[in-house]
N, C-alpha and C. Protein backbone atom coordinates (compact mmCIF):
# COMPACT_ATOMS: atom_id res chain seq x y z
N MET A 1 0.89 -1.24 0.06
CA MET A 1 0.01 0.01 0.13
C MET A 1 0.80 1.25 0.01
N TYR A 2 0.49 2.31 -0.68
CA TYR A 2 1.19 3.51 -0.66
C TYR A 2 1.28 4.14 0.70
N ARG A 3 2.27 4.74 1.09
CA ARG A 3 2.63 5.36 2.40
C ARG A 3 1.52 6.13 2.99
N ASN A 4 0.90 6.93 2.16
CA ASN A 4 -0.10 7.89 2.72
C ASN A 4 -1.58 7.25 2.60
N SER A 5 -1.72 6.17 1.98
CA SER A 5 -3.03 5.69 1.70
C SER A 5 -3.82 5.55 2.87
N LEU A 6 -3.40 4.86 3.87
CA LEU A 6 -4.20 4.54 4.98
C LEU A 6 -4.74 5.83 5.78
N PRO A 7 -3.82 6.78 6.11
CA PRO A 7 -4.22 7.96 6.72
C PRO A 7 -5.12 8.74 5.85
N LYS A 8 -5.12 8.68 4.57
CA LYS A 8 -6.04 9.53 3.75
C LYS A 8 -7.47 8.84 3.87
N LEU A 9 -7.31 7.42 3.80
CA LEU A 9 -8.65 6.84 3.78
C LEU A 9 -9.38 7.01 5.19
N LYS A 10 -8.56 7.05 6.22
CA LYS A 10 -9.22 7.23 7.58
C LYS A 10 -9.86 8.75 7.55
N ALA A 11 -9.21 9.68 7.11
CA ALA A 11 -9.72 11.02 7.02
C ALA A 11 -10.96 11.07 6.10
N ALA A 12 -10.88 10.45 4.96
CA ALA A 12 -12.05 10.38 4.16
C ALA A 12 -13.31 9.72 4.63
N ILE A 13 -13.03 8.65 5.42
CA ILE A 13 -14.20 7.84 6.01
C ILE A 13 -14.71 8.77 7.14
N SER A 14 -13.98 9.41 7.83
CA SER A 14 -14.33 10.28 8.97
C SER A 14 -15.16 11.48 8.40
N ASP A 15 -14.75 12.10 7.29
CA ASP A 15 -15.54 13.17 6.69
C ASP A 15 -16.83 12.68 6.15
N LEU A 16 -16.77 11.51 5.48
CA LEU A 16 -17.98 11.01 4.78
C LEU A 16 -19.05 10.66 5.87
N ASN A 17 -18.61 10.13 6.89
CA ASN A 17 -19.57 9.88 8.08
C ASN A 17 -20.34 11.04 8.54
N LYS A 18 -19.77 12.25 8.30
CA LYS A 18 -20.36 13.50 8.71
C LYS A 18 -21.41 14.02 7.64
N GLN A 19 -21.50 13.30 6.49
CA GLN A 19 -22.36 13.71 5.50
C GLN A 19 -23.79 12.93 5.56
N LYS A 20 -24.83 13.42 4.99
CA LYS A 20 -25.97 12.70 4.92
C LYS A 20 -25.92 11.91 3.54
N MET A 21 -25.18 10.84 3.48
CA MET A 21 -25.06 10.00 2.29
C MET A 21 -25.77 8.57 2.67
N PRO A 22 -26.69 8.16 1.78
CA PRO A 22 -27.35 6.86 2.10
C PRO A 22 -26.41 5.64 1.93
N PHE A 23 -25.34 5.90 1.08
CA PHE A 23 -24.49 4.68 0.87
C PHE A 23 -23.13 5.14 0.20
N LEU A 24 -22.24 4.34 0.13
CA LEU A 24 -20.92 4.60 -0.43
C LEU A 24 -20.77 3.53 -1.48
N ILE A 25 -20.14 4.07 -2.68
CA ILE A 25 -19.67 3.05 -3.73
C ILE A 25 -18.11 3.20 -3.80
N ASN A 26 -17.49 2.11 -3.55
CA ASN A 26 -16.06 1.94 -3.66
C ASN A 26 -15.87 1.52 -5.12
N LEU A 27 -15.02 2.09 -5.98
CA LEU A 27 -14.91 1.74 -7.30
C LEU A 27 -13.66 0.84 -7.69
N GLY A 28 -13.22 0.10 -6.61
CA GLY A 28 -12.20 -0.95 -6.84
C GLY A 28 -10.94 -0.55 -6.72
N ASP A 29 -9.79 -1.51 -7.02
CA ASP A 29 -8.41 -1.28 -6.80
C ASP A 29 -8.34 -0.86 -5.32
N VAL A 30 -8.91 -1.69 -4.39
CA VAL A 30 -8.86 -1.45 -2.89
C VAL A 30 -7.30 -1.55 -2.43
N VAL A 31 -6.63 -2.57 -3.11
CA VAL A 31 -5.25 -2.82 -3.02
C VAL A 31 -4.45 -2.52 -4.18
N ASP A 32 -3.09 -2.46 -4.02
CA ASP A 32 -2.28 -2.38 -5.17
C ASP A 32 -1.37 -3.64 -5.16
N ARG A 33 -1.85 -4.70 -5.59
CA ARG A 33 -1.06 -6.00 -5.70
C ARG A 33 -0.70 -6.75 -4.48
N ASN A 34 -1.11 -6.32 -3.20
CA ASN A 34 -0.68 -7.01 -2.20
C ASN A 34 -1.87 -7.44 -1.38
N PRO A 35 -2.30 -8.68 -1.49
CA PRO A 35 -3.54 -9.04 -0.78
C PRO A 35 -3.52 -8.89 0.71
N ALA A 36 -2.33 -8.76 1.36
CA ALA A 36 -2.19 -8.54 2.78
C ALA A 36 -2.69 -7.07 3.21
N ASP A 37 -2.84 -6.17 2.14
CA ASP A 37 -3.26 -4.84 2.47
C ASP A 37 -4.83 -4.93 2.63
N PHE A 38 -5.49 -5.87 2.20
CA PHE A 38 -6.98 -5.89 2.39
C PHE A 38 -7.37 -5.60 3.85
N THR A 39 -6.67 -6.31 4.77
CA THR A 39 -7.18 -6.29 6.06
C THR A 39 -7.16 -4.78 6.61
N PRO A 40 -6.06 -4.08 6.65
CA PRO A 40 -6.28 -2.77 7.20
C PRO A 40 -7.11 -1.83 6.39
N ILE A 41 -7.17 -2.15 5.18
CA ILE A 41 -8.02 -1.12 4.30
C ILE A 41 -9.40 -1.23 4.44
N LEU A 42 -9.85 -2.59 4.48
CA LEU A 42 -11.33 -3.00 4.71
C LEU A 42 -11.63 -2.60 6.18
N LYS A 43 -10.74 -2.69 7.05
CA LYS A 43 -11.07 -2.18 8.50
C LYS A 43 -11.51 -0.82 8.48
N GLU A 44 -10.81 -0.10 7.81
CA GLU A 44 -11.23 1.50 7.71
C GLU A 44 -12.49 1.64 6.98
N ILE A 45 -12.68 0.96 5.72
CA ILE A 45 -13.77 1.15 4.94
C ILE A 45 -15.05 0.83 5.63
N ARG A 46 -14.93 -0.34 6.52
CA ARG A 46 -16.11 -0.84 7.25
C ARG A 46 -16.55 0.15 8.31
N LYS A 47 -15.76 1.10 8.68
CA LYS A 47 -16.24 2.20 9.66
C LYS A 47 -17.22 3.15 9.12
N PHE A 48 -17.48 3.18 7.72
CA PHE A 48 -18.49 3.95 7.18
C PHE A 48 -19.91 3.39 7.79
N ARG A 49 -20.62 4.39 8.22
CA ARG A 49 -21.80 3.99 9.02
C ARG A 49 -23.13 3.66 8.20
N LYS A 50 -22.87 3.72 6.86
CA LYS A 50 -24.00 3.25 5.96
C LYS A 50 -23.63 2.09 5.10
N ALA A 51 -24.45 1.74 4.21
CA ALA A 51 -24.06 0.58 3.24
C ALA A 51 -22.76 0.92 2.42
N VAL A 52 -21.97 0.08 2.11
CA VAL A 52 -20.83 0.21 1.28
C VAL A 52 -20.94 -0.87 0.07
N TYR A 53 -20.96 -0.48 -1.07
CA TYR A 53 -20.90 -1.36 -2.29
C TYR A 53 -19.70 -1.23 -2.95
N THR A 54 -18.96 -2.20 -2.95
CA THR A 54 -17.57 -2.21 -3.64
C THR A 54 -17.54 -3.00 -4.93
N THR A 55 -16.93 -2.47 -5.83
CA THR A 55 -16.79 -3.17 -7.10
C THR A 55 -15.23 -3.46 -7.06
N THR A 56 -14.82 -4.49 -8.07
CA THR A 56 -13.41 -5.05 -7.98
C THR A 56 -12.66 -4.13 -9.15
N GLY A 57 -11.45 -3.91 -8.91
CA GLY A 57 -10.53 -3.37 -9.81
C GLY A 57 -9.45 -4.55 -10.23
N ASN A 58 -8.73 -4.29 -11.17
CA ASN A 58 -7.88 -5.30 -11.68
C ASN A 58 -6.74 -5.66 -10.63
N HIS A 59 -6.23 -4.63 -9.79
CA HIS A 59 -5.31 -4.95 -8.94
C HIS A 59 -5.80 -5.75 -7.66
N ASP A 60 -7.11 -5.81 -7.49
CA ASP A 60 -7.68 -6.63 -6.45
C ASP A 60 -7.57 -8.11 -6.64
N TYR A 61 -7.40 -8.46 -7.76
CA TYR A 61 -7.30 -9.90 -8.19
C TYR A 61 -5.91 -10.59 -8.02
N HIS A 62 -4.96 -9.78 -7.75
CA HIS A 62 -3.56 -10.23 -7.59
C HIS A 62 -3.52 -11.15 -6.50
N GLY A 63 -3.01 -12.38 -6.55
CA GLY A 63 -2.84 -13.28 -5.35
C GLY A 63 -4.05 -13.87 -4.93
N ILE A 64 -5.24 -13.59 -5.50
CA ILE A 64 -6.60 -14.18 -5.17
C ILE A 64 -6.80 -15.44 -5.87
N LYS A 65 -7.19 -16.60 -5.13
CA LYS A 65 -7.35 -17.79 -5.76
C LYS A 65 -8.78 -17.98 -6.65
N SER A 66 -9.73 -17.24 -6.08
CA SER A 66 -10.98 -17.48 -6.92
C SER A 66 -11.79 -16.12 -6.81
N ASN A 67 -12.54 -15.95 -7.81
CA ASN A 67 -13.36 -14.70 -7.93
C ASN A 67 -14.27 -14.72 -6.62
N ASP A 68 -14.91 -15.80 -6.30
CA ASP A 68 -15.81 -15.90 -5.15
C ASP A 68 -15.24 -15.41 -3.84
N SER A 69 -13.94 -15.88 -3.78
CA SER A 69 -13.32 -15.50 -2.37
C SER A 69 -13.12 -14.02 -2.43
N LEU A 70 -12.82 -13.42 -3.44
CA LEU A 70 -12.64 -11.98 -3.44
C LEU A 70 -14.03 -11.16 -3.26
N TYR A 71 -15.09 -11.71 -3.85
CA TYR A 71 -16.34 -11.04 -3.59
C TYR A 71 -16.77 -11.29 -2.11
N LYS A 72 -16.45 -12.38 -1.60
CA LYS A 72 -16.80 -12.67 -0.06
C LYS A 72 -15.95 -11.69 0.85
N LEU A 73 -14.66 -11.59 0.46
CA LEU A 73 -13.72 -10.57 1.25
C LEU A 73 -14.19 -9.23 1.23
N LEU A 74 -14.80 -8.78 0.09
CA LEU A 74 -15.28 -7.32 -0.20
C LEU A 74 -16.59 -7.24 0.25
N ASP A 75 -17.36 -8.16 0.86
CA ASP A 75 -18.71 -8.13 1.22
C ASP A 75 -19.64 -7.93 -0.02
N MET A 76 -19.29 -8.43 -1.08
CA MET A 76 -20.11 -8.32 -2.29
C MET A 76 -21.02 -9.51 -2.38
N PRO A 77 -22.23 -9.24 -2.69
CA PRO A 77 -23.31 -10.61 -2.66
C PRO A 77 -23.02 -11.33 -3.99
N ALA A 78 -22.52 -10.79 -5.01
CA ALA A 78 -22.31 -11.55 -6.17
C ALA A 78 -21.21 -10.60 -7.05
N GLU A 79 -21.07 -11.07 -8.35
CA GLU A 79 -20.09 -10.33 -9.09
C GLU A 79 -20.57 -8.89 -9.45
N TYR A 80 -21.80 -8.55 -9.37
CA TYR A 80 -22.28 -7.35 -9.72
C TYR A 80 -23.49 -6.90 -8.89
N TYR A 81 -23.85 -5.62 -8.81
CA TYR A 81 -25.05 -5.28 -8.18
C TYR A 81 -26.01 -4.76 -9.13
N SER A 82 -27.33 -4.71 -8.55
CA SER A 82 -28.51 -4.36 -9.37
C SER A 82 -29.29 -3.51 -8.28
N PHE A 83 -29.53 -2.27 -8.76
CA PHE A 83 -30.32 -1.22 -7.94
C PHE A 83 -31.63 -0.90 -8.46
N LYS A 84 -32.60 -0.79 -7.60
CA LYS A 84 -33.97 -0.42 -8.09
C LYS A 84 -34.35 0.65 -7.08
N ARG A 85 -34.70 1.85 -7.57
CA ARG A 85 -35.08 2.92 -6.63
C ARG A 85 -36.62 2.85 -6.67
N GLU A 86 -37.07 2.94 -5.43
CA GLU A 86 -38.51 2.95 -5.24
C GLU A 86 -38.99 4.40 -5.11
N ILE A 87 -40.03 4.77 -5.85
CA ILE A 87 -40.48 6.17 -5.86
C ILE A 87 -41.12 6.41 -4.51
N GLY A 88 -40.84 7.52 -3.81
CA GLY A 88 -41.37 7.91 -2.59
C GLY A 88 -40.61 7.40 -1.42
N VAL A 89 -39.54 6.56 -1.73
CA VAL A 89 -38.86 5.97 -0.48
C VAL A 89 -37.45 6.65 -0.51
N SER A 90 -37.09 7.12 0.61
CA SER A 90 -35.74 7.65 0.84
C SER A 90 -34.88 6.93 1.96
N SER A 91 -33.73 6.74 1.53
CA SER A 91 -32.95 5.83 2.48
C SER A 91 -31.97 6.75 3.33
N CYS A 92 -32.21 7.99 3.28
CA CYS A 92 -31.34 9.02 4.11
C CYS A 92 -31.87 9.12 5.54
């Protein structure tokens, strides 16, 4: 992981928790080729107080034995998400 990544992530999650956001979308590349970095990074991401939807990036697959194990690690229900907005329903 890059030297400043974790402190910047901690600050970002702290700021995002102060916002009125119904959820967070993480666009992947959670790590940069070192699967051991998942543990500290996901620990911080999971401090977000609302739902987090993570997608995978190409770097996330390095050293991973199966796609399903990666999806489980990232708390993904499957390899993709499907959203349906209900009119008149607010999740904020």
